[in-house]
């Protein structure tokens, strides 16, 4: 069975690029346009990994990760932050919220897929 990855980003074109790379590597992909949208789509189904932007309207990525980790079904779901933010303070906030990896845009799909494969348990 394919592993499911949720991609959360307010940029439709970026979600599309990430989704194409993930689907090409054999993953199922769910998409959300911001943190609130992502939380509304989490209905208890198994999500193996979440890739989230940091700067989004309605609910930013770090707040989303904090909210996600409060849900027992997703407490241990690994999160990769995919963002233009490279400041150490933001990275620390993301890690404190529960993010496991930080990929800075622009990124190479191979770099992101490598991070994904390290975090998704076989």
PDB file of N, CA and C in Angstrom:
ATOM      1  N   UNK A   1       0.839  -1.195   0.000  1.00  0.00           N
ATOM      2  CA  UNK A   1       0.000   0.000   0.000  1.00  0.00           C
ATOM      3  C   UNK A   1       0.876   1.247   0.000  1.00  0.00           C
ATOM      4  N   UNK A   2       0.492   2.245  -0.792  1.00  0.00           N
ATOM      5  CA  UNK A   2       1.281   3.471  -0.894  1.00  0.00           C
ATOM      6  C   UNK A   2       1.207   4.270   0.404  1.00  0.00           C
ATOM      7  N   UNK A   3       2.296   4.926   0.730  1.00  0.00           N
ATOM      8  CA  UNK A   3       2.341   5.808   1.901  1.00  0.00           C
ATOM      9  C   UNK A   3       1.698   7.142   1.521  1.00  0.00           C
ATOM     10  N   UNK A   4       1.023   7.775   2.477  1.00  0.00           N
ATOM     11  CA  UNK A   4       0.315   9.028   2.214  1.00  0.00           C
ATOM     12  C   UNK A   4       1.079  10.211   2.796  1.00  0.00           C
ATOM     13  N   UNK A   5       1.261  11.233   1.956  1.00  0.00           N
ATOM     14  CA  UNK A   5       1.942  12.461   2.361  1.00  0.00           C
ATOM     15  C   UNK A   5       0.986  13.622   2.148  1.00  0.00           C
ATOM     16  N   UNK A   6       0.859  14.501   3.152  1.00  0.00           N
ATOM     17  CA  UNK A   6       0.048  15.707   3.000  1.00  0.00           C
ATOM     18  C   UNK A   6       0.978  16.880   2.718  1.00  0.00           C
ATOM     19  N   UNK A   7       0.630  17.672   1.704  1.00  0.00           N
ATOM     20  CA  UNK A   7       1.403  18.858   1.340  1.00  0.00           C
ATOM     21  C   UNK A   7       0.553  20.084   1.674  1.00  0.00           C
ATOM     22  N   UNK A   8       1.087  20.958   2.554  1.00  0.00           N
ATOM     23  CA  UNK A   8       0.355  22.138   3.011  1.00  0.00           C
ATOM     24  C   UNK A   8       1.131  23.381   2.582  1.00  0.00           C
ATOM     25  N   UNK A   9       0.573  24.127   1.623  1.00  0.00           N
ATOM     26  CA  UNK A   9       1.243  25.345   1.143  1.00  0.00           C
ATOM     27  C   UNK A   9       0.199  26.229   0.486  1.00  0.00           C
ATOM     28  N   UNK A  10       0.308  27.551   0.688  1.00  0.00           N
ATOM     29  CA  UNK A  10      -0.652  28.461   0.079  1.00  0.00           C
ATOM     30  C   UNK A  10      -0.369  28.684  -1.412  1.00  0.00           C
ATOM     31  N   UNK A  11       0.763  28.214  -1.902  1.00  0.00           N
ATOM     32  CA  UNK A  11       1.089  28.330  -3.326  1.00  0.00           C
ATOM     33  C   UNK A  11       0.653  27.064  -4.060  1.00  0.00           C
ATOM     34  N   UNK A  12      -0.358  27.208  -4.922  1.00  0.00           N
ATOM     35  CA  UNK A  12      -0.861  26.047  -5.674  1.00  0.00           C
ATOM     36  C   UNK A  12       0.229  25.470  -6.568  1.00  0.00           C
ATOM     37  N   UNK A  13       1.056  26.339  -7.161  1.00  0.00           N
ATOM     38  CA  UNK A  13       2.102  25.832  -8.061  1.00  0.00           C
ATOM     39  C   UNK A  13       3.151  25.040  -7.284  1.00  0.00           C
ATOM     40  N   UNK A  14       3.477  25.484  -6.071  1.00  0.00           N
ATOM     41  CA  UNK A  14       4.451  24.734  -5.277  1.00  0.00           C
ATOM     42  C   UNK A  14       3.858  23.389  -4.838  1.00  0.00           C
ATOM     43  N   UNK A  15       2.590  23.400  -4.417  1.00  0.00           N
ATOM     44  CA  UNK A  15       1.928  22.129  -4.053  1.00  0.00           C
ATOM     45  C   UNK A  15       1.981  21.172  -5.231  1.00  0.00           C
ATOM     46  N   UNK A  16       1.760  21.700  -6.433  1.00  0.00           N
ATOM     47  CA  UNK A  16       1.757  20.857  -7.628  1.00  0.00           C
ATOM     48  C   UNK A  16       3.139  20.252  -7.887  1.00  0.00           C
ATOM     49  N   UNK A  17       4.192  21.071  -7.776  1.00  0.00           N
ATOM     50  CA  UNK A  17       5.564  20.577  -7.998  1.00  0.00           C
ATOM     51  C   UNK A  17       5.893  19.473  -6.991  1.00  0.00           C
ATOM     52  N   UNK A  18       5.575  19.717  -5.721  1.00  0.00           N
ATOM     53  CA  UNK A  18       5.863  18.734  -4.671  1.00  0.00           C
ATOM     54  C   UNK A  18       5.033  17.466  -4.908  1.00  0.00           C
ATOM     55  N   UNK A  19       3.754  17.635  -5.241  1.00  0.00           N
ATOM     56  CA  UNK A  19       2.864  16.482  -5.470  1.00  0.00           C
ATOM     57  C   UNK A  19       3.347  15.633  -6.646  1.00  0.00           C
ATOM     58  N   UNK A  20       3.795  16.282  -7.720  1.00  0.00           N
ATOM     59  CA  UNK A  20       4.290  15.534  -8.886  1.00  0.00           C
ATOM     60  C   UNK A  20       5.512  14.705  -8.494  1.00  0.00           C
ATOM     61  N   UNK A  21       6.435  15.322  -7.749  1.00  0.00           N
ATOM     62  CA  UNK A  21       7.638  14.592  -7.313  1.00  0.00           C
ATOM     63  C   UNK A  21       7.259  13.411  -6.421  1.00  0.00           C
ATOM     64  N   UNK A  22       6.341  13.637  -5.473  1.00  0.00           N
ATOM     65  CA  UNK A  22       5.933  12.575  -4.544  1.00  0.00           C
ATOM     66  C   UNK A  22       5.201  11.448  -5.275  1.00  0.00           C
ATOM     67  N   UNK A  23       4.256  11.818  -6.151  1.00  0.00           N
ATOM     68  CA  UNK A  23       3.505  10.782  -6.882  1.00  0.00           C
ATOM     69  C   UNK A  23       4.445   9.979  -7.775  1.00  0.00           C
ATOM     70  N   UNK A  24       5.431  10.673  -8.360  1.00  0.00           N
ATOM     71  CA  UNK A  24       6.412  10.000  -9.199  1.00  0.00           C
ATOM     72  C   UNK A  24       7.225   8.987  -8.417  1.00  0.00           C
ATOM     73  N   UNK A  25       7.377   9.230  -7.114  1.00  0.00           N
ATOM     74  CA  UNK A  25       8.118   8.305  -6.239  1.00  0.00           C
ATOM     75  C   UNK A  25       7.192   7.263  -5.601  1.00  0.00           C
ATOM     76  N   UNK A  26       5.905   7.279  -5.981  1.00  0.00           N
ATOM     77  CA  UNK A  26       4.983   6.243  -5.516  1.00  0.00           C
ATOM     78  C   UNK A  26       4.162   6.577  -4.288  1.00  0.00           C
ATOM     79  N   UNK A  27       4.135   7.852  -3.880  1.00  0.00           N
ATOM     80  CA  UNK A  27       3.349   8.235  -2.702  1.00  0.00           C
ATOM     81  C   UNK A  27       1.952   8.708  -3.102  1.00  0.00           C
ATOM     82  N   UNK A  28       0.994   8.503  -2.194  1.00  0.00           N
ATOM     83  CA  UNK A  28      -0.328   9.120  -2.310  1.00  0.00           C
ATOM     84  C   UNK A  28      -0.165  10.533  -1.770  1.00  0.00           C
ATOM     85  N   UNK A  29      -0.881  11.513  -2.340  1.00  0.00           N
ATOM     86  CA  UNK A  29      -0.715  12.895  -1.899  1.00  0.00           C
ATOM     87  C   UNK A  29      -2.063  13.525  -1.582  1.00  0.00           C
ATOM     88  N   UNK A  30      -2.134  14.166  -0.409  1.00  0.00           N
ATOM     89  CA  UNK A  30      -3.273  15.015  -0.041  1.00  0.00           C
ATOM     90  C   UNK A  30      -2.745  16.439  -0.052  1.00  0.00           C
ATOM     91  N   UNK A  31      -3.567  17.400  -0.474  1.00  0.00           N
ATOM     92  CA  UNK A  31      -3.122  18.789  -0.507  1.00  0.00           C
ATOM     93  C   UNK A  31      -4.020  19.660   0.346  1.00  0.00           C
ATOM     94  N   UNK A  32      -3.413  20.696   0.956  1.00  0.00           N
ATOM     95  CA  UNK A  32      -4.159  21.688   1.727  1.00  0.00           C
ATOM     96  C   UNK A  32      -3.513  23.051   1.488  1.00  0.00           C
ATOM     97  N   UNK A  33      -4.330  24.123   1.519  1.00  0.00           N
ATOM     98  CA  UNK A  33      -3.821  25.450   1.172  1.00  0.00           C
ATOM     99  C   UNK A  33      -3.319  26.249   2.370  1.00  0.00           C
ATOM    100  N   UNK A  34      -3.602  25.797   3.588  1.00  0.00           N
ATOM    101  CA  UNK A  34      -3.067  26.441   4.790  1.00  0.00           C
ATOM    102  C   UNK A  34      -3.308  25.515   5.985  1.00  0.00           C
ATOM    103  N   UNK A  35      -2.855  25.940   7.154  1.00  0.00           N
ATOM    104  CA  UNK A  35      -2.968  25.094   8.341  1.00  0.00           C
ATOM    105  C   UNK A  35      -4.400  24.715   8.689  1.00  0.00           C
ATOM    106  N   UNK A  36      -5.321  25.694   8.592  1.00  0.00           N
ATOM    107  CA  UNK A  36      -6.729  25.406   8.917  1.00  0.00           C
ATOM    108  C   UNK A  36      -7.301  24.371   7.964  1.00  0.00           C
ATOM    109  N   UNK A  37      -7.013  24.550   6.665  1.00  0.00           N
ATOM    110  CA  UNK A  37      -7.495  23.607   5.650  1.00  0.00           C
ATOM    111  C   UNK A  37      -6.928  22.213   5.940  1.00  0.00           C
ATOM    112  N   UNK A  38      -5.650  22.155   6.286  1.00  0.00           N
ATOM    113  CA  UNK A  38      -5.002  20.868   6.570  1.00  0.00           C
ATOM    114  C   UNK A  38      -5.659  20.184   7.762  1.00  0.00           C
ATOM    115  N   UNK A  39      -5.881  20.925   8.845  1.00  0.00           N
ATOM    116  CA  UNK A  39      -6.509  20.329  10.036  1.00  0.00           C
ATOM    117  C   UNK A  39      -7.911  19.815   9.703  1.00  0.00           C
ATOM    118  N   UNK A  40      -8.636  20.540   8.852  1.00  0.00           N
ATOM    119  CA  UNK A  40     -10.000  20.121   8.505  1.00  0.00           C
ATOM    120  C   UNK A  40      -9.997  18.837   7.668  1.00  0.00           C
ATOM    121  N   UNK A  41      -8.882  18.552   6.992  1.00  0.00           N
ATOM    122  CA  UNK A  41      -8.799  17.351   6.143  1.00  0.00           C
ATOM    123  C   UNK A  41      -8.255  16.141   6.890  1.00  0.00           C
ATOM    124  N   UNK A  42      -7.821  16.332   8.121  1.00  0.00           N
ATOM    125  CA  UNK A  42      -7.301  15.213   8.904  1.00  0.00           C
ATOM    126  C   UNK A  42      -8.454  14.564   9.648  1.00  0.00           C
ATOM    127  N   UNK A  43      -8.908  13.450   9.125  1.00  0.00           N
ATOM    128  CA  UNK A  43     -10.092  12.811   9.703  1.00  0.00           C
ATOM    129  C   UNK A  43      -9.759  11.478  10.353  1.00  0.00           C
ATOM    130  N   UNK A  44      -8.524  11.342  10.821  1.00  0.00           N
ATOM    131  CA  UNK A  44      -8.144  10.104  11.486  1.00  0.00           C
ATOM    132  C   UNK A  44      -7.492   9.099  10.562  1.00  0.00           C
ATOM    133  N   UNK A  45      -7.491   9.384   9.237  1.00  0.00           N
ATOM    134  CA  UNK A  45      -6.832   8.459   8.314  1.00  0.00           C
ATOM    135  C   UNK A  45      -5.325   8.526   8.542  1.00  0.00           C
ATOM    136  N   UNK A  46      -4.625   7.469   8.142  1.00  0.00           N
ATOM    137  CA  UNK A  46      -3.182   7.405   8.355  1.00  0.00           C
ATOM    138  C   UNK A  46      -2.476   8.352   7.387  1.00  0.00           C
ATOM    139  N   UNK A  47      -1.736   9.288   7.948  1.00  0.00           N
ATOM    140  CA  UNK A  47      -0.873  10.174   7.162  1.00  0.00           C
ATOM    141  C   UNK A  47       0.540   9.810   7.603  1.00  0.00           C
ATOM    142  N   UNK A  48       1.385   9.439   6.670  1.00  0.00           N
ATOM    143  CA  UNK A  48       2.735   8.986   7.015  1.00  0.00           C
ATOM    144  C   UNK A  48       3.719  10.135   7.192  1.00  0.00           C
ATOM    145  N   UNK A  49       3.420  11.287   6.566  1.00  0.00           N
ATOM    146  CA  UNK A  49       4.320  12.435   6.628  1.00  0.00           C
ATOM    147  C   UNK A  49       3.565  13.670   6.184  1.00  0.00           C
ATOM    148  N   UNK A  50       3.945  14.828   6.742  1.00  0.00           N
ATOM    149  CA  UNK A  50       3.362  16.103   6.313  1.00  0.00           C
ATOM    150  C   UNK A  50       4.505  17.028   5.903  1.00  0.00           C
ATOM    151  N   UNK A  51       4.329  17.686   4.759  1.00  0.00           N
ATOM    152  CA  UNK A  51       5.272  18.712   4.299  1.00  0.00           C
ATOM    153  C   UNK A  51       4.505  20.025   4.354  1.00  0.00           C
ATOM    154  N   UNK A  52       4.997  20.979   5.150  1.00  0.00           N
ATOM    155  CA  UNK A  52       4.251  22.224   5.349  1.00  0.00           C
ATOM    156  C   UNK A  52       5.123  23.455   5.147  1.00  0.00           C
ATOM    157  N   UNK A  53       4.535  24.466   4.523  1.00  0.00           N
ATOM    158  CA  UNK A  53       5.149  25.786   4.432  1.00  0.00           C
ATOM    159  C   UNK A  53       5.072  26.421   5.821  1.00  0.00           C
ATOM    160  N   UNK A  54       5.873  27.466   6.058  1.00  0.00           N
ATOM    161  CA  UNK A  54       5.795  28.194   7.326  1.00  0.00           C
ATOM    162  C   UNK A  54       4.853  29.386   7.189  1.00  0.00           C
ATOM    163  N   UNK A  55       5.082  30.233   6.186  1.00  0.00           N
ATOM    164  CA  UNK A  55       4.310  31.470   6.031  1.00  0.00           C
ATOM    165  C   UNK A  55       3.084  31.243   5.148  1.00  0.00           C
ATOM    166  N   UNK A  56       1.904  31.185   5.813  1.00  0.00           N
ATOM    167  CA  UNK A  56       0.638  30.986   5.103  1.00  0.00           C
ATOM    168  C   UNK A  56      -0.436  31.836   5.767  1.00  0.00           C
ATOM    169  N   UNK A  57      -1.479  32.213   5.012  1.00  0.00           N
ATOM    170  CA  UNK A  57      -2.598  32.937   5.625  1.00  0.00           C
ATOM    171  C   UNK A  57      -3.433  31.986   6.501  1.00  0.00           C
ATOM    172  N   UNK A  58      -4.326  32.542   7.287  1.00  0.00           N
ATOM    173  CA  UNK A  58      -5.270  31.807   8.156  1.00  0.00           C
ATOM    174  C   UNK A  58      -4.582  31.077   9.317  1.00  0.00           C
ATOM    175  N   UNK A  59      -3.635  30.194   9.012  1.00  0.00           N
ATOM    176  CA  UNK A  59      -2.877  29.517  10.068  1.00  0.00           C
ATOM    177  C   UNK A  59      -1.505  29.180   9.493  1.00  0.00           C
ATOM    178  N   UNK A  60      -0.463  29.738  10.118  1.00  0.00           N
ATOM    179  CA  UNK A  60       0.890  29.494   9.621  1.00  0.00           C
ATOM    180  C   UNK A  60       1.333  28.066   9.959  1.00  0.00           C
ATOM    181  N   UNK A  61       2.441  27.655   9.344  1.00  0.00           N
ATOM    182  CA  UNK A  61       2.906  26.284   9.483  1.00  0.00           C
ATOM    183  C   UNK A  61       3.294  25.879  10.887  1.00  0.00           C
ATOM    184  N   UNK A  62       3.911  26.785  11.630  1.00  0.00           N
ATOM    185  CA  UNK A  62       4.346  26.423  12.990  1.00  0.00           C
ATOM    186  C   UNK A  62       3.128  26.242  13.904  1.00  0.00           C
ATOM    187  N   UNK A  63       2.140  27.136  13.783  1.00  0.00           N
ATOM    188  CA  UNK A  63       0.898  26.969  14.557  1.00  0.00           C
ATOM    189  C   UNK A  63       0.208  25.668  14.148  1.00  0.00           C
ATOM    190  N   UNK A  64       0.196  25.379  12.852  1.00  0.00           N
ATOM    191  CA  UNK A  64      -0.407  24.136  12.353  1.00  0.00           C
ATOM    192  C   UNK A  64       0.260  22.917  12.992  1.00  0.00           C
ATOM    193  N   UNK A  65       1.597  22.908  13.036  1.00  0.00           N
ATOM    194  CA  UNK A  65       2.311  21.759  13.614  1.00  0.00           C
ATOM    195  C   UNK A  65       1.955  21.620  15.096  1.00  0.00           C
ATOM    196  N   UNK A  66       1.900  22.745  15.821  1.00  0.00           N
ATOM    197  CA  UNK A  66       1.510  22.682  17.247  1.00  0.00           C
ATOM    198  C   UNK A  66       0.129  22.067  17.412  1.00  0.00           C
ATOM    199  N   UNK A  67      -0.830  22.513  16.578  1.00  0.00           N
ATOM    200  CA  UNK A  67      -2.199  21.988  16.649  1.00  0.00           C
ATOM    201  C   UNK A  67      -2.235  20.508  16.265  1.00  0.00           C
ATOM    202  N   UNK A  68      -1.513  20.161  15.225  1.00  0.00           N
ATOM    203  CA  UNK A  68      -1.438  18.772  14.756  1.00  0.00           C
ATOM    204  C   UNK A  68      -0.972  17.849  15.876  1.00  0.00           C
ATOM    205  N   UNK A  69       0.072  18.260  16.587  1.00  0.00           N
ATOM    206  CA  UNK A  69       0.685  17.408  17.613  1.00  0.00           C
ATOM    207  C   UNK A  69      -0.224  17.222  18.829  1.00  0.00           C
ATOM    208  N   UNK A  70      -1.258  18.065  18.968  1.00  0.00           N
ATOM    209  CA  UNK A  70      -2.229  17.896  20.061  1.00  0.00           C
ATOM    210  C   UNK A  70      -3.180  16.740  19.780  1.00  0.00           C
ATOM    211  N   UNK A  71      -3.294  16.347  18.499  1.00  0.00           N
ATOM    212  CA  UNK A  71      -4.204  15.279  18.098  1.00  0.00           C
ATOM    213  C   UNK A  71      -3.483  13.942  18.271  1.00  0.00           C
ATOM    214  N   UNK A  72      -3.980  13.061  19.158  1.00  0.00           N
ATOM    215  CA  UNK A  72      -3.291  11.791  19.410  1.00  0.00           C
ATOM    216  C   UNK A  72      -3.026  10.966  18.146  1.00  0.00           C
ATOM    217  N   UNK A  73      -3.911  11.060  17.141  1.00  0.00           N
ATOM    218  CA  UNK A  73      -3.733  10.280  15.919  1.00  0.00           C
ATOM    219  C   UNK A  73      -2.515  10.745  15.112  1.00  0.00           C
ATOM    220  N   UNK A  74      -2.091  12.002  15.322  1.00  0.00           N
ATOM    221  CA  UNK A  74      -0.996  12.564  14.515  1.00  0.00           C
ATOM    222  C   UNK A  74       0.190  13.027  15.349  1.00  0.00           C
ATOM    223  N   UNK A  75       0.160  12.678  16.620  1.00  0.00           N
ATOM    224  CA  UNK A  75       1.225  13.123  17.531  1.00  0.00           C
ATOM    225  C   UNK A  75       2.619  12.730  17.040  1.00  0.00           C
ATOM    226  N   UNK A  76       2.722  11.557  16.424  1.00  0.00           N
ATOM    227  CA  UNK A  76       4.037  11.061  15.996  1.00  0.00           C
ATOM    228  C   UNK A  76       4.243  11.154  14.482  1.00  0.00           C
ATOM    229  N   UNK A  77       3.340  11.844  13.774  1.00  0.00           N
ATOM    230  CA  UNK A  77       3.498  12.013  12.329  1.00  0.00           C
ATOM    231  C   UNK A  77       4.651  12.976  12.062  1.00  0.00           C
ATOM    232  N   UNK A  78       5.658  12.539  11.300  1.00  0.00           N
ATOM    233  CA  UNK A  78       6.779  13.447  11.038  1.00  0.00           C
ATOM    234  C   UNK A  78       6.372  14.604  10.124  1.00  0.00           C
ATOM    235  N   UNK A  79       6.965  15.779  10.380  1.00  0.00           N
ATOM    236  CA  UNK A  79       6.658  16.974   9.601  1.00  0.00           C
ATOM    237  C   UNK A  79       7.955  17.559   9.049  1.00  0.00           C
ATOM    238  N   UNK A  80       7.943  17.861   7.758  1.00  0.00           N
ATOM    239  CA  UNK A  80       9.046  18.591   7.121  1.00  0.00           C
ATOM    240  C   UNK A  80       8.534  20.001   6.845  1.00  0.00           C
ATOM    241  N   UNK A  81       9.258  21.013   7.290  1.00  0.00           N
ATOM    242  CA  UNK A  81       8.917  22.392   6.960  1.00  0.00           C
ATOM    243  C   UNK A  81       9.633  22.720   5.658  1.00  0.00           C
ATOM    244  N   UNK A  82       8.874  23.164   4.665  1.00  0.00           N
ATOM    245  CA  UNK A  82       9.418  23.522   3.351  1.00  0.00           C
ATOM    246  C   UNK A  82       9.151  25.012   3.183  1.00  0.00           C
ATOM    247  N   UNK A  83      10.194  25.840   3.257  1.00  0.00           N
ATOM    248  CA  UNK A  83       9.969  27.264   3.411  1.00  0.00           C
ATOM    249  C   UNK A  83      11.114  28.115   2.880  1.00  0.00           C
ATOM    250  N   UNK A  84      10.835  29.389   2.696  1.00  0.00           N
ATOM    251  CA  UNK A  84      11.893  30.339   2.328  1.00  0.00           C
ATOM    252  C   UNK A  84      12.631  30.806   3.579  1.00  0.00           C
ATOM    253  N   UNK A  85      12.080  30.508   4.756  1.00  0.00           N
ATOM    254  CA  UNK A  85      12.692  30.930   6.026  1.00  0.00           C
ATOM    255  C   UNK A  85      13.956  30.127   6.298  1.00  0.00           C
ATOM    256  N   UNK A  86      15.065  30.836   6.515  1.00  0.00           N
ATOM    257  CA  UNK A  86      16.295  30.114   6.861  1.00  0.00           C
ATOM    258  C   UNK A  86      16.870  30.607   8.188  1.00  0.00           C
ATOM    259  N   UNK A  87      16.122  31.485   8.869  1.00  0.00           N
ATOM    260  CA  UNK A  87      16.591  32.017  10.154  1.00  0.00           C
ATOM    261  C   UNK A  87      16.595  30.920  11.220  1.00  0.00           C
ATOM    262  N   UNK A  88      17.658  30.916  11.998  1.00  0.00           N
ATOM    263  CA  UNK A  88      17.825  29.922  13.058  1.00  0.00           C
ATOM    264  C   UNK A  88      16.660  29.960  14.053  1.00  0.00           C
ATOM    265  N   UNK A  89      16.177  31.169  14.381  1.00  0.00           N
ATOM    266  CA  UNK A  89      15.082  31.308  15.348  1.00  0.00           C
ATOM    267  C   UNK A  89      13.818  30.602  14.848  1.00  0.00           C
ATOM    268  N   UNK A  90      13.509  30.776  13.556  1.00  0.00           N
ATOM    269  CA  UNK A  90      12.328  30.114  12.989  1.00  0.00           C
ATOM    270  C   UNK A  90      12.512  28.600  13.021  1.00  0.00           C
ATOM    271  N   UNK A  91      13.713  28.130  12.702  1.00  0.00           N
ATOM    272  CA  UNK A  91      13.979  26.684  12.731  1.00  0.00           C
ATOM    273  C   UNK A  91      13.762  26.146  14.136  1.00  0.00           C
ATOM    274  N   UNK A  92      14.250  26.883  15.142  1.00  0.00           N
ATOM    275  CA  UNK A  92      14.071  26.446  16.536  1.00  0.00           C
ATOM    276  C   UNK A  92      12.593  26.394  16.897  1.00  0.00           C
ATOM    277  N   UNK A  93      11.832  27.405  16.464  1.00  0.00           N
ATOM    278  CA  UNK A  93      10.383  27.408  16.721  1.00  0.00           C
ATOM    279  C   UNK A  93       9.734  26.181  16.079  1.00  0.00           C
ATOM    280  N   UNK A  94      10.134  25.898  14.846  1.00  0.00           N
ATOM    281  CA  UNK A  94       9.580  24.742  14.137  1.00  0.00           C
ATOM    282  C   UNK A  94       9.910  23.442  14.838  1.00  0.00           C
ATOM    283  N   UNK A  95      11.161  23.305  15.273  1.00  0.00           N
ATOM    284  CA  UNK A  95      11.564  22.086  15.991  1.00  0.00           C
ATOM    285  C   UNK A  95      10.818  21.969  17.314  1.00  0.00           C
ATOM    286  N   UNK A  96      10.678  23.087  18.015  1.00  0.00           N
ATOM    287  CA  UNK A  96       9.960  23.076  19.300  1.00  0.00           C
ATOM    288  C   UNK A  96       8.504  22.653  19.083  1.00  0.00           C
ATOM    289  N   UNK A  97       7.918  23.059  17.957  1.00  0.00           N
ATOM    290  CA  UNK A  97       6.529  22.696  17.653  1.00  0.00           C
ATOM    291  C   UNK A  97       6.415  21.224  17.278  1.00  0.00           C
ATOM    292  N   UNK A  98       7.510  20.640  16.772  1.00  0.00           N
ATOM    293  CA  UNK A  98       7.476  19.224  16.430  1.00  0.00           C
ATOM    294  C   UNK A  98       7.954  18.891  15.024  1.00  0.00           C
ATOM    295  N   UNK A  99       8.445  19.891  14.278  1.00  0.00           N
ATOM    296  CA  UNK A  99       8.954  19.606  12.926  1.00  0.00           C
ATOM    297  C   UNK A  99      10.236  18.791  13.029  1.00  0.00           C
ATOM    298  N   UNK A 100      10.403  17.825  12.128  1.00  0.00           N
ATOM    299  CA  UNK A 100      11.566  16.939  12.162  1.00  0.00           C
ATOM    300  C   UNK A 100      12.661  17.342  11.185  1.00  0.00           C
ATOM    301  N   UNK A 101      12.278  18.112  10.130  1.00  0.00           N
ATOM    302  CA  UNK A 101      13.269  18.509   9.121  1.00  0.00           C
ATOM    303  C   UNK A 101      12.884  19.867   8.568  1.00  0.00           C
ATOM    304  N   UNK A 102      13.862  20.543   7.970  1.00  0.00           N
ATOM    305  CA  UNK A 102      13.677  21.900   7.462  1.00  0.00           C
ATOM    306  C   UNK A 102      14.312  21.951   6.085  1.00  0.00           C
ATOM    307  N   UNK A 103      13.507  22.143   5.035  1.00  0.00           N
ATOM    308  CA  UNK A 103      14.022  22.235   3.669  1.00  0.00           C
ATOM    309  C   UNK A 103      13.735  23.651   3.173  1.00  0.00           C
ATOM    310  N   UNK A 104      14.790  24.340   2.715  1.00  0.00           N
ATOM    311  CA  UNK A 104      14.643  25.732   2.288  1.00  0.00           C
ATOM    312  C   UNK A 104      14.363  25.796   0.789  1.00  0.00           C
ATOM    313  N   UNK A 105      13.364  26.627   0.422  1.00  0.00           N
ATOM    314  CA  UNK A 105      13.042  26.863  -0.985  1.00  0.00           C
ATOM    315  C   UNK A 105      14.053  27.853  -1.550  1.00  0.00           C
ATOM    316  N   UNK A 106      14.417  27.836  -2.810  1.00  0.00           N
ATOM    317  CA  UNK A 106      14.058  26.787  -3.759  1.00  0.00           C
ATOM    318  C   UNK A 106      14.777  25.487  -3.410  1.00  0.00           C
ATOM    319  N   UNK A 107      14.155  24.377  -3.735  1.00  0.00           N
ATOM    320  CA  UNK A 107      14.710  23.070  -3.375  1.00  0.00           C
ATOM    321  C   UNK A 107      14.758  22.190  -4.607  1.00  0.00           C
ATOM    322  N   UNK A 108      15.574  21.176  -4.539  1.00  0.00           N
ATOM    323  CA  UNK A 108      15.615  20.168  -5.601  1.00  0.00           C
ATOM    324  C   UNK A 108      14.662  19.043  -5.190  1.00  0.00           C
ATOM    325  N   UNK A 109      13.794  18.587  -6.094  1.00  0.00           N
ATOM    326  CA  UNK A 109      12.892  17.483  -5.724  1.00  0.00           C
ATOM    327  C   UNK A 109      13.638  16.285  -5.126  1.00  0.00           C
ATOM    328  N   UNK A 110      14.828  15.980  -5.634  1.00  0.00           N
ATOM    329  CA  UNK A 110      15.595  14.837  -5.100  1.00  0.00           C
ATOM    330  C   UNK A 110      15.967  15.066  -3.635  1.00  0.00           C
ATOM    331  N   UNK A 111      16.290  16.306  -3.287  1.00  0.00           N
ATOM    332  CA  UNK A 111      16.635  16.651  -1.898  1.00  0.00           C
ATOM    333  C   UNK A 111      15.420  16.427  -0.989  1.00  0.00           C
ATOM    334  N   UNK A 112      14.242  16.873  -1.470  1.00  0.00           N
ATOM    335  CA  UNK A 112      13.031  16.706  -0.676  1.00  0.00           C
ATOM    336  C   UNK A 112      12.661  15.226  -0.558  1.00  0.00           C
ATOM    337  N   UNK A 113      12.748  14.477  -1.658  1.00  0.00           N
ATOM    338  CA  UNK A 113      12.412  13.046  -1.615  1.00  0.00           C
ATOM    339  C   UNK A 113      13.352  12.285  -0.694  1.00  0.00           C
ATOM    340  N   UNK A 114      14.607  12.708  -0.636  1.00  0.00           N
ATOM    341  CA  UNK A 114      15.563  12.082   0.273  1.00  0.00           C
ATOM    342  C   UNK A 114      15.130  12.293   1.730  1.00  0.00           C
ATOM    343  N   UNK A 115      14.721  13.526   2.058  1.00  0.00           N
ATOM    344  CA  UNK A 115      14.240  13.827   3.419  1.00  0.00           C
ATOM    345  C   UNK A 115      12.976  13.023   3.721  1.00  0.00           C
ATOM    346  N   UNK A 116      12.087  12.916   2.749  1.00  0.00           N
ATOM    347  CA  UNK A 116      10.835  12.155   2.913  1.00  0.00           C
ATOM    348  C   UNK A 116      11.143  10.697   3.205  1.00  0.00           C
ATOM    349  N   UNK A 117      12.033  10.103   2.405  1.00  0.00           N
ATOM    350  CA  UNK A 117      12.317   8.665   2.575  1.00  0.00           C
ATOM    351  C   UNK A 117      12.997   8.375   3.901  1.00  0.00           C
ATOM    352  N   UNK A 118      13.750   9.346   4.438  1.00  0.00           N
ATOM    353  CA  UNK A 118      14.395   9.145   5.748  1.00  0.00           C
ATOM    354  C   UNK A 118      13.375   9.172   6.882  1.00  0.00           C
ATOM    355  N   UNK A 119      12.285   9.932   6.707  1.00  0.00           N
ATOM    356  CA  UNK A 119      11.312  10.115   7.791  1.00  0.00           C
ATOM    357  C   UNK A 119      10.139   9.156   7.751  1.00  0.00           C
ATOM    358  N   UNK A 120       9.871   8.573   6.595  1.00  0.00           N
ATOM    359  CA  UNK A 120       8.745   7.621   6.503  1.00  0.00           C
ATOM    360  C   UNK A 120       9.261   6.226   6.813  1.00  0.00           C
ATOM    361  N   UNK A 121       8.675   5.626   7.814  1.00  0.00           N
ATOM    362  CA  UNK A 121       9.092   4.282   8.208  1.00  0.00           C
ATOM    363  C   UNK A 121       8.569   3.260   7.207  1.00  0.00           C
ATOM    364  N   UNK A 122       9.419   2.319   6.819  1.00  0.00           N
ATOM    365  CA  UNK A 122       8.971   1.291   5.839  1.00  0.00           C
ATOM    366  C   UNK A 122       7.907   0.380   6.429  1.00  0.00           C
TER     367      UNK A 122
END
